[in-house]
Amino acid sequence: MAKLSRHEKRERRHKRIRKKIFGTPERPRLCIYRSLNAFYAQIVDDSGGESKTLVSASSIDKEFVQLAGKRGGKSIEDVQKVAELLVKRSLEKGIRKVVFDRGGFLYHGKIKAFADKCRELGLEF
């Protein structure tokens, strides 16, 4: 059996996690994606057979670029600013409780910093 790449391992972890985690209207799913150049987060309602994005934020949003002064996502500080944007937008829509989907990424570094900042700002998961 061939050795799996990092990407393939992450995809396997993500599929395993997604079997158990799904968003409902009461508790939508907060899913994240981290690329080499940017950080993305969105709150999704999975009910009704198709996923519907309720709120999103990323390190390439216009509002993030104005806030940070650059396109980012490479540092923990950038990720925390994305968390601030997402929580602000979700609280405006009345979303307080979510289910956290780490997207197969290890709960460490930027992922942990993002989750901690979201909890600190008022999201419950």
PDB file of N, CA and C in Angstrom:
ATOM      1  N   MET A   1       0.845  -1.186   0.000  1.00  0.00           N
ATOM      2  CA  MET A   1       0.000   0.000   0.000  1.00  0.00           C
ATOM      3  C   MET A   1       0.888   1.245   0.000  1.00  0.00           C
ATOM      4  N   ALA A   2       0.580   2.179  -0.848  1.00  0.00           N
ATOM      5  CA  ALA A   2       1.370   3.399  -0.978  1.00  0.00           C
ATOM      6  C   ALA A   2       1.150   4.319   0.214  1.00  0.00           C
ATOM      7  N   LYS A   3       2.185   5.057   0.539  1.00  0.00           N
ATOM      8  CA  LYS A   3       2.099   6.011   1.642  1.00  0.00           C
ATOM      9  C   LYS A   3       1.210   7.191   1.236  1.00  0.00           C
ATOM     10  N   LEU A   4       0.343   7.620   2.142  1.00  0.00           N
ATOM     11  CA  LEU A   4      -0.571   8.716   1.846  1.00  0.00           C
ATOM     12  C   LEU A   4       0.114  10.056   2.038  1.00  0.00           C
ATOM     13  N   SER A   5      -0.259  11.021   1.207  1.00  0.00           N
ATOM     14  CA  SER A   5       0.277  12.368   1.341  1.00  0.00           C
ATOM     15  C   SER A   5      -0.443  13.086   2.488  1.00  0.00           C
ATOM     16  N   ARG A   6       0.074  14.202   2.904  1.00  0.00           N
ATOM     17  CA  ARG A   6      -0.570  15.011   3.955  1.00  0.00           C
ATOM     18  C   ARG A   6      -1.995  15.378   3.573  1.00  0.00           C
ATOM     19  N   HIS A   7      -2.154  15.768   2.317  1.00  0.00           N
ATOM     20  CA  HIS A   7      -3.469  16.181   1.820  1.00  0.00           C
ATOM     21  C   HIS A   7      -4.456  15.017   1.883  1.00  0.00           C
ATOM     22  N   GLU A   8      -4.020  13.836   1.461  1.00  0.00           N
ATOM     23  CA  GLU A   8      -4.897  12.661   1.490  1.00  0.00           C
ATOM     24  C   GLU A   8      -5.265  12.281   2.922  1.00  0.00           C
ATOM     25  N   LYS A   9      -4.315  12.403   3.842  1.00  0.00           N
ATOM     26  CA  LYS A   9      -4.596  12.119   5.252  1.00  0.00           C
ATOM     27  C   LYS A   9      -5.634  13.093   5.799  1.00  0.00           C
ATOM     28  N   ARG A  10      -5.488  14.381   5.454  1.00  0.00           N
ATOM     29  CA  ARG A  10      -6.436  15.386   5.923  1.00  0.00           C
ATOM     30  C   ARG A  10      -7.826  15.101   5.361  1.00  0.00           C
ATOM     31  N   GLU A  11      -7.899  14.748   4.083  1.00  0.00           N
ATOM     32  CA  GLU A  11      -9.191  14.440   3.471  1.00  0.00           C
ATOM     33  C   GLU A  11      -9.856  13.241   4.143  1.00  0.00           C
ATOM     34  N   ARG A  12      -9.083  12.222   4.492  1.00  0.00           N
ATOM     35  CA  ARG A  12      -9.637  11.062   5.194  1.00  0.00           C
ATOM     36  C   ARG A  12     -10.176  11.453   6.566  1.00  0.00           C
ATOM     37  N   ARG A  13      -9.398  12.263   7.302  1.00  0.00           N
ATOM     38  CA  ARG A  13      -9.857  12.731   8.616  1.00  0.00           C
ATOM     39  C   ARG A  13     -11.139  13.538   8.468  1.00  0.00           C
ATOM     40  N   HIS A  14     -11.187  14.393   7.440  1.00  0.00           N
ATOM     41  CA  HIS A  14     -12.354  15.246   7.217  1.00  0.00           C
ATOM     42  C   HIS A  14     -13.602  14.395   6.932  1.00  0.00           C
ATOM     43  N   LYS A  15     -13.468  13.384   6.092  1.00  0.00           N
ATOM     44  CA  LYS A  15     -14.607  12.500   5.792  1.00  0.00           C
ATOM     45  C   LYS A  15     -15.078  11.783   7.053  1.00  0.00           C
ATOM     46  N   ARG A  16     -14.131  11.326   7.874  1.00  0.00           N
ATOM     47  CA  ARG A  16     -14.475  10.624   9.107  1.00  0.00           C
ATOM     48  C   ARG A  16     -15.225  11.548  10.064  1.00  0.00           C
ATOM     49  N   ILE A  17     -14.785  12.804  10.148  1.00  0.00           N
ATOM     50  CA  ILE A  17     -15.432  13.786  11.023  1.00  0.00           C
ATOM     51  C   ILE A  17     -16.825  14.130  10.506  1.00  0.00           C
ATOM     52  N   ARG A  18     -16.955  14.303   9.180  1.00  0.00           N
ATOM     53  CA  ARG A  18     -18.228  14.731   8.590  1.00  0.00           C
ATOM     54  C   ARG A  18     -19.322  13.671   8.691  1.00  0.00           C
ATOM     55  N   LYS A  19     -18.941  12.409   8.928  1.00  0.00           N
ATOM     56  CA  LYS A  19     -19.948  11.375   9.151  1.00  0.00           C
ATOM     57  C   LYS A  19     -20.739  11.671  10.419  1.00  0.00           C
ATOM     58  N   LYS A  20     -20.080  12.294  11.392  1.00  0.00           N
ATOM     59  CA  LYS A  20     -20.673  12.502  12.707  1.00  0.00           C
ATOM     60  C   LYS A  20     -21.209  13.913  12.915  1.00  0.00           C
ATOM     61  N   ILE A  21     -20.662  14.887  12.214  1.00  0.00           N
ATOM     62  CA  ILE A  21     -20.999  16.295  12.458  1.00  0.00           C
ATOM     63  C   ILE A  21     -21.875  16.832  11.333  1.00  0.00           C
ATOM     64  N   PHE A  22     -22.980  17.470  11.691  1.00  0.00           N
ATOM     65  CA  PHE A  22     -23.820  18.143  10.709  1.00  0.00           C
ATOM     66  C   PHE A  22     -24.491  19.333  11.380  1.00  0.00           C
ATOM     67  N   GLY A  23     -24.791  20.344  10.592  1.00  0.00           N
ATOM     68  CA  GLY A  23     -25.393  21.562  11.113  1.00  0.00           C
ATOM     69  C   GLY A  23     -26.903  21.518  11.025  1.00  0.00           C
ATOM     70  N   THR A  24     -27.559  22.013  12.059  1.00  0.00           N
ATOM     71  CA  THR A  24     -29.017  22.116  12.082  1.00  0.00           C
ATOM     72  C   THR A  24     -29.373  23.595  12.140  1.00  0.00           C
ATOM     73  N   PRO A  25     -30.634  23.953  11.946  1.00  0.00           N
ATOM     74  CA  PRO A  25     -30.996  25.369  12.068  1.00  0.00           C
ATOM     75  C   PRO A  25     -30.714  25.928  13.475  1.00  0.00           C
ATOM     76  N   GLU A  26     -30.832  25.077  14.509  1.00  0.00           N
ATOM     77  CA  GLU A  26     -30.569  25.537  15.875  1.00  0.00           C
ATOM     78  C   GLU A  26     -29.069  25.656  16.146  1.00  0.00           C
ATOM     79  N   ARG A  27     -28.290  24.692  15.636  1.00  0.00           N
ATOM     80  CA  ARG A  27     -26.840  24.677  15.820  1.00  0.00           C
ATOM     81  C   ARG A  27     -26.167  24.442  14.473  1.00  0.00           C
ATOM     82  N   PRO A  28     -25.936  25.504  13.689  1.00  0.00           N
ATOM     83  CA  PRO A  28     -25.277  25.314  12.395  1.00  0.00           C
ATOM     84  C   PRO A  28     -23.813  24.901  12.575  1.00  0.00           C
ATOM     85  N   ARG A  29     -23.224  24.441  11.497  1.00  0.00           N
ATOM     86  CA  ARG A  29     -21.846  23.948  11.517  1.00  0.00           C
ATOM     87  C   ARG A  29     -20.885  25.074  11.161  1.00  0.00           C
ATOM     88  N   LEU A  30     -19.868  25.275  11.990  1.00  0.00           N
ATOM     89  CA  LEU A  30     -18.803  26.247  11.724  1.00  0.00           C
ATOM     90  C   LEU A  30     -17.651  25.475  11.102  1.00  0.00           C
ATOM     91  N   CYS A  31     -17.477  25.610   9.794  1.00  0.00           N
ATOM     92  CA  CYS A  31     -16.414  24.869   9.120  1.00  0.00           C
ATOM     93  C   CYS A  31     -15.313  25.828   8.682  1.00  0.00           C
ATOM     94  N   ILE A  32     -14.099  25.308   8.691  1.00  0.00           N
ATOM     95  CA  ILE A  32     -12.946  26.132   8.356  1.00  0.00           C
ATOM     96  C   ILE A  32     -12.105  25.433   7.297  1.00  0.00           C
ATOM     97  N   TYR A  33     -11.343  26.248   6.580  1.00  0.00           N
ATOM     98  CA  TYR A  33     -10.384  25.734   5.616  1.00  0.00           C
ATOM     99  C   TYR A  33      -9.167  26.632   5.670  1.00  0.00           C
ATOM    100  N   ARG A  34      -8.014  25.990   5.680  1.00  0.00           N
ATOM    101  CA  ARG A  34      -6.756  26.724   5.749  1.00  0.00           C
ATOM    102  C   ARG A  34      -5.930  26.339   4.533  1.00  0.00           C
ATOM    103  N   SER A  35      -5.635  27.316   3.688  1.00  0.00           N
ATOM    104  CA  SER A  35      -4.752  27.060   2.553  1.00  0.00           C
ATOM    105  C   SER A  35      -3.384  27.653   2.871  1.00  0.00           C
ATOM    106  N   LEU A  36      -2.482  27.570   1.942  1.00  0.00           N
ATOM    107  CA  LEU A  36      -1.152  28.134   2.188  1.00  0.00           C
ATOM    108  C   LEU A  36      -1.197  29.660   2.251  1.00  0.00           C
ATOM    109  N   ASN A  37      -2.170  30.266   1.558  1.00  0.00           N
ATOM    110  CA  ASN A  37      -2.191  31.716   1.448  1.00  0.00           C
ATOM    111  C   ASN A  37      -3.343  32.401   2.169  1.00  0.00           C
ATOM    112  N   ALA A  38      -4.368  31.665   2.576  1.00  0.00           N
ATOM    113  CA  ALA A  38      -5.546  32.302   3.153  1.00  0.00           C
ATOM    114  C   ALA A  38      -6.206  31.380   4.167  1.00  0.00           C
ATOM    115  N   PHE A  39      -7.134  31.952   4.930  1.00  0.00           N
ATOM    116  CA  PHE A  39      -7.897  31.215   5.941  1.00  0.00           C
ATOM    117  C   PHE A  39      -9.365  31.546   5.713  1.00  0.00           C
ATOM    118  N   TYR A  40     -10.205  30.527   5.631  1.00  0.00           N
ATOM    119  CA  TYR A  40     -11.622  30.704   5.348  1.00  0.00           C
ATOM    120  C   TYR A  40     -12.450  30.068   6.457  1.00  0.00           C
ATOM    121  N   ALA A  41     -13.571  30.699   6.789  1.00  0.00           N
ATOM    122  CA  ALA A  41     -14.495  30.126   7.773  1.00  0.00           C
ATOM    123  C   ALA A  41     -15.909  30.463   7.344  1.00  0.00           C
ATOM    124  N   GLN A  42     -16.810  29.512   7.551  1.00  0.00           N
ATOM    125  CA  GLN A  42     -18.213  29.780   7.242  1.00  0.00           C
ATOM    126  C   GLN A  42     -19.103  28.988   8.174  1.00  0.00           C
ATOM    127  N   ILE A  43     -20.284  29.525   8.401  1.00  0.00           N
ATOM    128  CA  ILE A  43     -21.287  28.861   9.214  1.00  0.00           C
ATOM    129  C   ILE A  43     -22.362  28.349   8.262  1.00  0.00           C
ATOM    130  N   VAL A  44     -22.623  27.024   8.341  1.00  0.00           N
ATOM    131  CA  VAL A  44     -23.446  26.341   7.346  1.00  0.00           C
ATOM    132  C   VAL A  44     -24.590  25.597   8.021  1.00  0.00           C
ATOM    133  N   ASP A  45     -25.768  25.655   7.395  1.00  0.00           N
ATOM    134  CA  ASP A  45     -26.922  24.871   7.819  1.00  0.00           C
ATOM    135  C   ASP A  45     -27.053  23.705   6.841  1.00  0.00           C
ATOM    136  N   ASP A  46     -26.887  22.474   7.338  1.00  0.00           N
ATOM    137  CA  ASP A  46     -26.908  21.291   6.483  1.00  0.00           C
ATOM    138  C   ASP A  46     -28.278  20.651   6.355  1.00  0.00           C
ATOM    139  N   SER A  47     -29.288  21.185   6.997  1.00  0.00           N
ATOM    140  CA  SER A  47     -30.608  20.554   6.951  1.00  0.00           C
ATOM    141  C   SER A  47     -31.245  20.749   5.571  1.00  0.00           C
ATOM    142  N   GLY A  48     -32.164  19.871   5.249  1.00  0.00           N
ATOM    143  CA  GLY A  48     -32.883  20.007   3.985  1.00  0.00           C
ATOM    144  C   GLY A  48     -32.177  19.413   2.799  1.00  0.00           C
ATOM    145  N   GLY A  49     -31.152  18.594   3.024  1.00  0.00           N
ATOM    146  CA  GLY A  49     -30.502  17.909   1.923  1.00  0.00           C
ATOM    147  C   GLY A  49     -29.377  18.663   1.254  1.00  0.00           C
ATOM    148  N   GLU A  50     -29.323  19.971   1.407  1.00  0.00           N
ATOM    149  CA  GLU A  50     -28.215  20.718   0.817  1.00  0.00           C
ATOM    150  C   GLU A  50     -27.688  21.724   1.825  1.00  0.00           C
ATOM    151  N   SER A  51     -26.403  22.015   1.739  1.00  0.00           N
ATOM    152  CA  SER A  51     -25.775  22.948   2.660  1.00  0.00           C
ATOM    153  C   SER A  51     -26.055  24.374   2.230  1.00  0.00           C
ATOM    154  N   LYS A  52     -26.393  25.208   3.203  1.00  0.00           N
ATOM    155  CA  LYS A  52     -26.671  26.617   2.929  1.00  0.00           C
ATOM    156  C   LYS A  52     -25.765  27.460   3.812  1.00  0.00           C
ATOM    157  N   THR A  53     -24.929  28.292   3.198  1.00  0.00           N
ATOM    158  CA  THR A  53     -24.026  29.148   3.951  1.00  0.00           C
ATOM    159  C   THR A  53     -24.809  30.307   4.544  1.00  0.00           C
ATOM    160  N   LEU A  54     -24.719  30.453   5.856  1.00  0.00           N
ATOM    161  CA  LEU A  54     -25.419  31.525   6.555  1.00  0.00           C
ATOM    162  C   LEU A  54     -24.520  32.740   6.743  1.00  0.00           C
ATOM    163  N   VAL A  55     -23.271  32.496   7.107  1.00  0.00           N
ATOM    164  CA  VAL A  55     -22.303  33.565   7.370  1.00  0.00           C
ATOM    165  C   VAL A  55     -20.930  33.073   6.914  1.00  0.00           C
ATOM    166  N   SER A  56     -20.120  33.972   6.368  1.00  0.00           N
ATOM    167  CA  SER A  56     -18.758  33.582   6.006  1.00  0.00           C
ATOM    168  C   SER A  56     -17.798  34.742   6.254  1.00  0.00           C
ATOM    169  N   ALA A  57     -16.537  34.387   6.412  1.00  0.00           N
ATOM    170  CA  ALA A  57     -15.460  35.369   6.557  1.00  0.00           C
ATOM    171  C   ALA A  57     -14.171  34.708   6.095  1.00  0.00           C
ATOM    172  N   SER A  58     -13.281  35.498   5.560  1.00  0.00           N
ATOM    173  CA  SER A  58     -11.994  34.953   5.147  1.00  0.00           C
ATOM    174  C   SER A  58     -10.934  36.040   5.198  1.00  0.00           C
ATOM    175  N   SER A  59      -9.701  35.613   5.037  1.00  0.00           N
ATOM    176  CA  SER A  59      -8.598  36.569   5.080  1.00  0.00           C
ATOM    177  C   SER A  59      -8.413  37.282   3.752  1.00  0.00           C
ATOM    178  N   ILE A  60      -9.312  37.059   2.790  1.00  0.00           N
ATOM    179  CA  ILE A  60      -9.245  37.809   1.532  1.00  0.00           C
ATOM    180  C   ILE A  60     -10.475  38.682   1.337  1.00  0.00           C
ATOM    181  N   ASP A  61     -11.362  38.733   2.361  1.00  0.00           N
ATOM    182  CA  ASP A  61     -12.514  39.643   2.327  1.00  0.00           C
ATOM    183  C   ASP A  61     -12.052  41.090   2.277  1.00  0.00           C
ATOM    184  N   LYS A  62     -12.854  41.940   1.646  1.00  0.00           N
ATOM    185  CA  LYS A  62     -12.531  43.365   1.606  1.00  0.00           C
ATOM    186  C   LYS A  62     -12.479  43.955   3.011  1.00  0.00           C
ATOM    187  N   GLU A  63     -13.423  43.542   3.856  1.00  0.00           N
ATOM    188  CA  GLU A  63     -13.474  44.063   5.227  1.00  0.00           C
ATOM    189  C   GLU A  63     -12.236  43.647   6.023  1.00  0.00           C
ATOM    190  N   PHE A  64     -11.740  42.424   5.801  1.00  0.00           N
ATOM    191  CA  PHE A  64     -10.529  41.971   6.476  1.00  0.00           C
ATOM    192  C   PHE A  64      -9.330  42.772   6.014  1.00  0.00           C
ATOM    193  N   VAL A  65      -9.255  43.008   4.708  1.00  0.00           N
ATOM    194  CA  VAL A  65      -8.119  43.760   4.153  1.00  0.00           C
ATOM    195  C   VAL A  65      -8.097  45.175   4.729  1.00  0.00           C
ATOM    196  N   GLN A  66      -9.286  45.804   4.896  1.00  0.00           N
ATOM    197  CA  GLN A  66      -9.339  47.131   5.505  1.00  0.00           C
ATOM    198  C   GLN A  66      -8.928  47.076   6.969  1.00  0.00           C
ATOM    199  N   LEU A  67      -9.352  46.035   7.683  1.00  0.00           N
ATOM    200  CA  LEU A  67      -9.044  45.886   9.099  1.00  0.00           C
ATOM    201  C   LEU A  67      -7.563  45.610   9.335  1.00  0.00           C
ATOM    202  N   ALA A  68      -6.990  44.686   8.549  1.00  0.00           N
ATOM    203  CA  ALA A  68      -5.607  44.268   8.753  1.00  0.00           C
ATOM    204  C   ALA A  68      -4.617  45.075   7.922  1.00  0.00           C
ATOM    205  N   GLY A  69      -5.091  45.721   6.865  1.00  0.00           N
ATOM    206  CA  GLY A  69      -4.194  46.482   6.005  1.00  0.00           C
ATOM    207  C   GLY A  69      -3.479  45.622   4.973  1.00  0.00           C
ATOM    208  N   LYS A  70      -3.842  44.351   4.885  1.00  0.00           N
ATOM    209  CA  LYS A  70      -3.204  43.441   3.936  1.00  0.00           C
ATOM    210  C   LYS A  70      -4.087  42.221   3.739  1.00  0.00           C
ATOM    211  N   ARG A  71      -3.825  41.485   2.668  1.00  0.00           N
ATOM    212  CA  ARG A  71      -4.440  40.163   2.524  1.00  0.00           C
ATOM    213  C   ARG A  71      -3.578  39.228   3.333  1.00  0.00           C
ATOM    214  N   GLY A  72      -4.200  38.376   4.126  1.00  0.00           N
ATOM    215  CA  GLY A  72      -3.381  37.565   5.019  1.00  0.00           C
ATOM    216  C   GLY A  72      -3.898  36.173   5.206  1.00  0.00           C
ATOM    217  N   GLY A  73      -3.706  35.670   6.413  1.00  0.00           N
ATOM    218  CA  GLY A  73      -4.094  34.322   6.744  1.00  0.00           C
ATOM    219  C   GLY A  73      -2.899  33.469   7.105  1.00  0.00           C
ATOM    220  N   LYS A  74      -1.726  34.075   7.034  1.00  0.00           N
ATOM    221  CA  LYS A  74      -0.520  33.304   7.292  1.00  0.00           C
ATOM    222  C   LYS A  74      -0.110  33.318   8.754  1.00  0.00           C
ATOM    223  N   SER A  75      -0.633  34.258   9.539  1.00  0.00           N
ATOM    224  CA  SER A  75      -0.235  34.332  10.947  1.00  0.00           C
ATOM    225  C   SER A  75      -1.427  34.062  11.861  1.00  0.00           C
ATOM    226  N   ILE A  76      -1.129  33.750  13.096  1.00  0.00           N
ATOM    227  CA  ILE A  76      -2.182  33.509  14.082  1.00  0.00           C
ATOM    228  C   ILE A  76      -2.993  34.781  14.311  1.00  0.00           C
ATOM    229  N   GLU A  77      -2.349  35.942  14.271  1.00  0.00           N
ATOM    230  CA  GLU A  77      -3.066  37.212  14.453  1.00  0.00           C
ATOM    231  C   GLU A  77      -4.090  37.425  13.336  1.00  0.00           C
ATOM    232  N   ASP A  78      -3.718  37.073  12.105  1.00  0.00           N
ATOM    233  CA  ASP A  78      -4.651  37.191  10.981  1.00  0.00           C
ATOM    234  C   ASP A  78      -5.859  36.283  11.179  1.00  0.00           C
ATOM    235  N   VAL A  79      -5.615  35.077  11.631  1.00  0.00           N
ATOM    236  CA  VAL A  79      -6.690  34.108  11.863  1.00  0.00           C
ATOM    237  C   VAL A  79      -7.628  34.614  12.953  1.00  0.00           C
ATOM    238  N   GLN A  80      -7.078  35.234  13.980  1.00  0.00           N
ATOM    239  CA  GLN A  80      -7.908  35.776  15.057  1.00  0.00           C
ATOM    240  C   GLN A  80      -8.764  36.937  14.560  1.00  0.00           C
ATOM    241  N   LYS A  81      -8.249  37.725  13.613  1.00  0.00           N
ATOM    242  CA  LYS A  81      -9.055  38.801  13.028  1.00  0.00           C
ATOM    243  C   LYS A  81     -10.192  38.245  12.178  1.00  0.00           C
ATOM    244  N   VAL A  82      -9.935  37.133  11.486  1.00  0.00           N
ATOM    245  CA  VAL A  82     -10.999  36.465  10.727  1.00  0.00           C
ATOM    246  C   VAL A  82     -12.069  35.977  11.701  1.00  0.00           C
ATOM    247  N   ALA A  83     -11.649  35.451  12.856  1.00  0.00           N
ATOM    248  CA  ALA A  83     -12.601  35.003  13.884  1.00  0.00           C
ATOM    249  C   ALA A  83     -13.456  36.169  14.369  1.00  0.00           C
ATOM    250  N   GLU A  84     -12.841  37.325  14.578  1.00  0.00           N
ATOM    251  CA  GLU A  84     -13.588  38.514  15.006  1.00  0.00           C
ATOM    252  C   GLU A  84     -14.655  38.879  13.980  1.00  0.00           C
ATOM    253  N   LEU A  85     -14.271  38.879  12.700  1.00  0.00           N
ATOM    254  CA  LEU A  85     -15.225  39.193  11.630  1.00  0.00           C
ATOM    255  C   LEU A  85     -16.381  38.200  11.614  1.00  0.00           C
ATOM    256  N   LEU A  86     -16.051  36.919  11.684  1.00  0.00           N
ATOM    257  CA  LEU A  86     -17.080  35.878  11.626  1.00  0.00           C
ATOM    258  C   LEU A  86     -18.033  35.973  12.806  1.00  0.00           C
ATOM    259  N   VAL A  87     -17.510  36.155  13.999  1.00  0.00           N
ATOM    260  CA  VAL A  87     -18.370  36.226  15.189  1.00  0.00           C
ATOM    261  C   VAL A  87     -19.254  37.463  15.128  1.00  0.00           C
ATOM    262  N   LYS A  88     -18.689  38.584  14.688  1.00  0.00           N
ATOM    263  CA  LYS A  88     -19.491  39.805  14.568  1.00  0.00           C
ATOM    264  C   LYS A  88     -20.658  39.594  13.606  1.00  0.00           C
ATOM    265  N   ARG A  89     -20.383  38.983  12.457  1.00  0.00           N
ATOM    266  CA  ARG A  89     -21.427  38.743  11.458  1.00  0.00           C
ATOM    267  C   ARG A  89     -22.451  37.721  11.947  1.00  0.00           C
ATOM    268  N   SER A  90     -21.992  36.703  12.666  1.00  0.00           N
ATOM    269  CA  SER A  90     -22.925  35.676  13.135  1.00  0.00           C
ATOM    270  C   SER A  90     -23.818  36.195  14.254  1.00  0.00           C
ATOM    271  N   LEU A  91     -23.282  37.018  15.135  1.00  0.00           N
ATOM    272  CA  LEU A  91     -24.099  37.583  16.208  1.00  0.00           C
ATOM    273  C   LEU A  91     -25.146  38.543  15.641  1.00  0.00           C
ATOM    274  N   GLU A  92     -24.807  39.251  14.560  1.00  0.00           N
ATOM    275  CA  GLU A  92     -25.782  40.120  13.892  1.00  0.00           C
ATOM    276  C   GLU A  92     -26.957  39.311  13.342  1.00  0.00           C
ATOM    277  N   LYS A  93     -26.681  38.077  12.903  1.00  0.00           N
ATOM    278  CA  LYS A  93     -27.740  37.208  12.378  1.00  0.00           C
ATOM    279  C   LYS A  93     -28.407  36.381  13.470  1.00  0.00           C
ATOM    280  N   GLY A  94     -27.951  36.539  14.715  1.00  0.00           N
ATOM    281  CA  GLY A  94     -28.570  35.830  15.828  1.00  0.00           C
ATOM    282  C   GLY A  94     -28.064  34.415  16.033  1.00  0.00           C
ATOM    283  N   ILE A  95     -26.883  34.105  15.513  1.00  0.00           N
ATOM    284  CA  ILE A  95     -26.314  32.764  15.677  1.00  0.00           C
ATOM    285  C   ILE A  95     -25.323  32.800  16.837  1.00  0.00           C
ATOM    286  N   ARG A  96     -25.627  32.030  17.885  1.00  0.00           N
ATOM    287  CA  ARG A  96     -24.757  31.973  19.065  1.00  0.00           C
ATOM    288  C   ARG A  96     -24.150  30.594  19.286  1.00  0.00           C
ATOM    289  N   LYS A  97     -24.904  29.535  18.957  1.00  0.00           N
ATOM    290  CA  LYS A  97     -24.435  28.171  19.177  1.00  0.00           C
ATOM    291  C   LYS A  97     -24.119  27.517  17.839  1.00  0.00           C
ATOM    292  N   VAL A  98     -22.955  26.909  17.753  1.00  0.00           N
ATOM    293  CA  VAL A  98     -22.533  26.235  16.532  1.00  0.00           C
ATOM    294  C   VAL A  98     -21.879  24.899  16.882  1.00  0.00           C
ATOM    295  N   VAL A  99     -21.693  24.079  15.863  1.00  0.00           N
ATOM    296  CA  VAL A  99     -20.925  22.849  15.963  1.00  0.00           C
ATOM    297  C   VAL A  99     -19.628  23.098  15.205  1.00  0.00           C
ATOM    298  N   PHE A 100     -18.480  22.826  15.823  1.00  0.00           N
ATOM    299  CA  PHE A 100     -17.187  23.135  15.219  1.00  0.00           C
ATOM    300  C   PHE A 100     -16.708  21.987  14.339  1.00  0.00           C
ATOM    301  N   ASP A 101     -16.435  22.295  13.071  1.00  0.00           N
ATOM    302  CA  ASP A 101     -15.902  21.326  12.116  1.00  0.00           C
ATOM    303  C   ASP A 101     -14.511  21.808  11.721  1.00  0.00           C
ATOM    304  N   ARG A 102     -13.494  21.111  12.204  1.00  0.00           N
ATOM    305  CA  ARG A 102     -12.116  21.561  11.964  1.00  0.00           C
ATOM    306  C   ARG A 102     -11.598  21.168  10.591  1.00  0.00           C
ATOM    307  N   GLY A 103     -12.423  20.524   9.795  1.00  0.00           N
ATOM    308  CA  GLY A 103     -12.080  20.239   8.403  1.00  0.00           C
ATOM    309  C   GLY A 103     -10.954  19.247   8.215  1.00  0.00           C
ATOM    310  N   GLY A 104     -10.708  18.395   9.199  1.00  0.00           N
ATOM    311  CA  GLY A 104      -9.635  17.423   9.081  1.00  0.00           C
ATOM    312  C   GLY A 104      -8.285  17.950   9.510  1.00  0.00           C
ATOM    313  N   PHE A 105      -8.210  19.243   9.802  1.00  0.00           N
ATOM    314  CA  PHE A 105      -6.955  19.818  10.268  1.00  0.00           C
ATOM    315  C   PHE A 105      -6.772  19.462  11.739  1.00  0.00           C
ATOM    316  N   LEU A 106      -5.530  19.326  12.174  1.00  0.00           N
ATOM    317  CA  LEU A 106      -5.259  19.016  13.569  1.00  0.00           C
ATOM    318  C   LEU A 106      -5.619  20.223  14.430  1.00  0.00           C
ATOM    319  N   TYR A 107      -6.161  19.962  15.614  1.00  0.00           N
ATOM    320  CA  TYR A 107      -6.573  21.040  16.518  1.00  0.00           C
ATOM    321  C   TYR A 107      -5.321  21.575  17.202  1.00  0.00           C
ATOM    322  N   HIS A 108      -4.628  22.464  16.488  1.00  0.00           N
ATOM    323  CA  HIS A 108      -3.332  22.954  16.941  1.00  0.00           C
ATOM    324  C   HIS A 108      -3.027  24.232  16.159  1.00  0.00           C
ATOM    325  N   GLY A 109      -2.286  25.130  16.752  1.00  0.00           N
ATOM    326  CA  GLY A 109      -1.839  26.319  16.037  1.00  0.00           C
ATOM    327  C   GLY A 109      -2.962  27.254  15.640  1.00  0.00           C
ATOM    328  N   LYS A 110      -3.083  27.533  14.340  1.00  0.00           N
ATOM    329  CA  LYS A 110      -4.079  28.480  13.836  1.00  0.00           C
ATOM    330  C   LYS A 110      -5.506  28.010  14.110  1.00  0.00           C
ATOM    331  N   ILE A 111      -5.737  26.704  14.005  1.00  0.00           N
ATOM    332  CA  ILE A 111      -7.080  26.164  14.214  1.00  0.00           C
ATOM    333  C   ILE A 111      -7.499  26.381  15.669  1.00  0.00           C
ATOM    334  N   LYS A 112      -6.594  26.081  16.593  1.00  0.00           N
ATOM    335  CA  LYS A 112      -6.877  26.254  18.014  1.00  0.00           C
ATOM    336  C   LYS A 112      -7.053  27.736  18.347  1.00  0.00           C
ATOM    337  N   ALA A 113      -6.194  28.590  17.788  1.00  0.00           N
ATOM    338  CA  ALA A 113      -6.294  30.031  18.034  1.00  0.00           C
ATOM    339  C   ALA A 113      -7.624  30.573  17.532  1.00  0.00           C
ATOM    340  N   PHE A 114      -8.064  30.109  16.360  1.00  0.00           N
ATOM    341  CA  PHE A 114      -9.345  30.533  15.802  1.00  0.00           C
ATOM    342  C   PHE A 114     -10.496  30.121  16.719  1.00  0.00           C
ATOM    343  N   ALA A 115     -10.502  28.863  17.136  1.00  0.00           N
ATOM    344  CA  ALA A 115     -11.572  28.353  17.998  1.00  0.00           C
ATOM    345  C   ALA A 115     -11.603  29.085  19.336  1.00  0.00           C
ATOM    346  N   ASP A 116     -10.435  29.302  19.930  1.00  0.00           N
ATOM    347  CA  ASP A 116     -10.371  30.001  21.226  1.00  0.00           C
ATOM    348  C   ASP A 116     -10.895  31.431  21.112  1.00  0.00           C
ATOM    349  N   LYS A 117     -10.540  32.113  20.023  1.00  0.00           N
ATOM    350  CA  LYS A 117     -10.990  33.496  19.819  1.00  0.00           C
ATOM    351  C   LYS A 117     -12.508  33.540  19.622  1.00  0.00           C
ATOM    352  N   CYS A 118     -13.054  32.598  18.873  1.00  0.00           N
ATOM    353  CA  CYS A 118     -14.509  32.546  18.664  1.00  0.00           C
ATOM    354  C   CYS A 118     -15.228  32.335  19.993  1.00  0.00           C
ATOM    355  N   ARG A 119     -14.718  31.432  20.816  1.00  0.00           N
ATOM    356  CA  ARG A 119     -15.332  31.184  22.128  1.00  0.00           C
ATOM    357  C   ARG A 119     -15.246  32.432  22.999  1.00  0.00           C
ATOM    358  N   GLU A 120     -14.101  33.080  22.966  1.00  0.00           N
ATOM    359  CA  GLU A 120     -13.878  34.280  23.773  1.00  0.00           C
ATOM    360  C   GLU A 120     -14.859  35.398  23.388  1.00  0.00           C
ATOM    361  N   LEU A 121     -15.190  35.485  22.089  1.00  0.00           N
ATOM    362  CA  LEU A 121     -16.061  36.553  21.592  1.00  0.00           C
ATOM    363  C   LEU A 121     -17.566  36.222  21.690  1.00  0.00           C
ATOM    364  N   GLY A 122     -17.904  35.003  22.129  1.00  0.00           N
ATOM    365  CA  GLY A 122     -19.310  34.740  22.383  1.00  0.00           C
ATOM    366  C   GLY A 122     -19.963  33.574  21.665  1.00  0.00           C
ATOM    367  N   LEU A 123     -19.242  32.889  20.772  1.00  0.00           N
ATOM    368  CA  LEU A 123     -19.833  31.707  20.144  1.00  0.00           C
ATOM    369  C   LEU A 123     -19.699  30.516  21.094  1.00  0.00           C
ATOM    370  N   GLU A 124     -20.727  29.679  21.119  1.00  0.00           N
ATOM    371  CA  GLU A 124     -20.708  28.497  21.971  1.00  0.00           C
ATOM    372  C   GLU A 124     -20.575  27.248  21.122  1.00  0.00           C
ATOM    373  N   PHE A 125     -19.533  26.455  21.434  1.00  0.00           N
ATOM    374  CA  PHE A 125     -19.383  25.130  20.829  1.00  0.00           C
ATOM    375  C   PHE A 125     -18.497  24.269  21.678  1.00  0.00           C
TER     376      PHE A 125
END
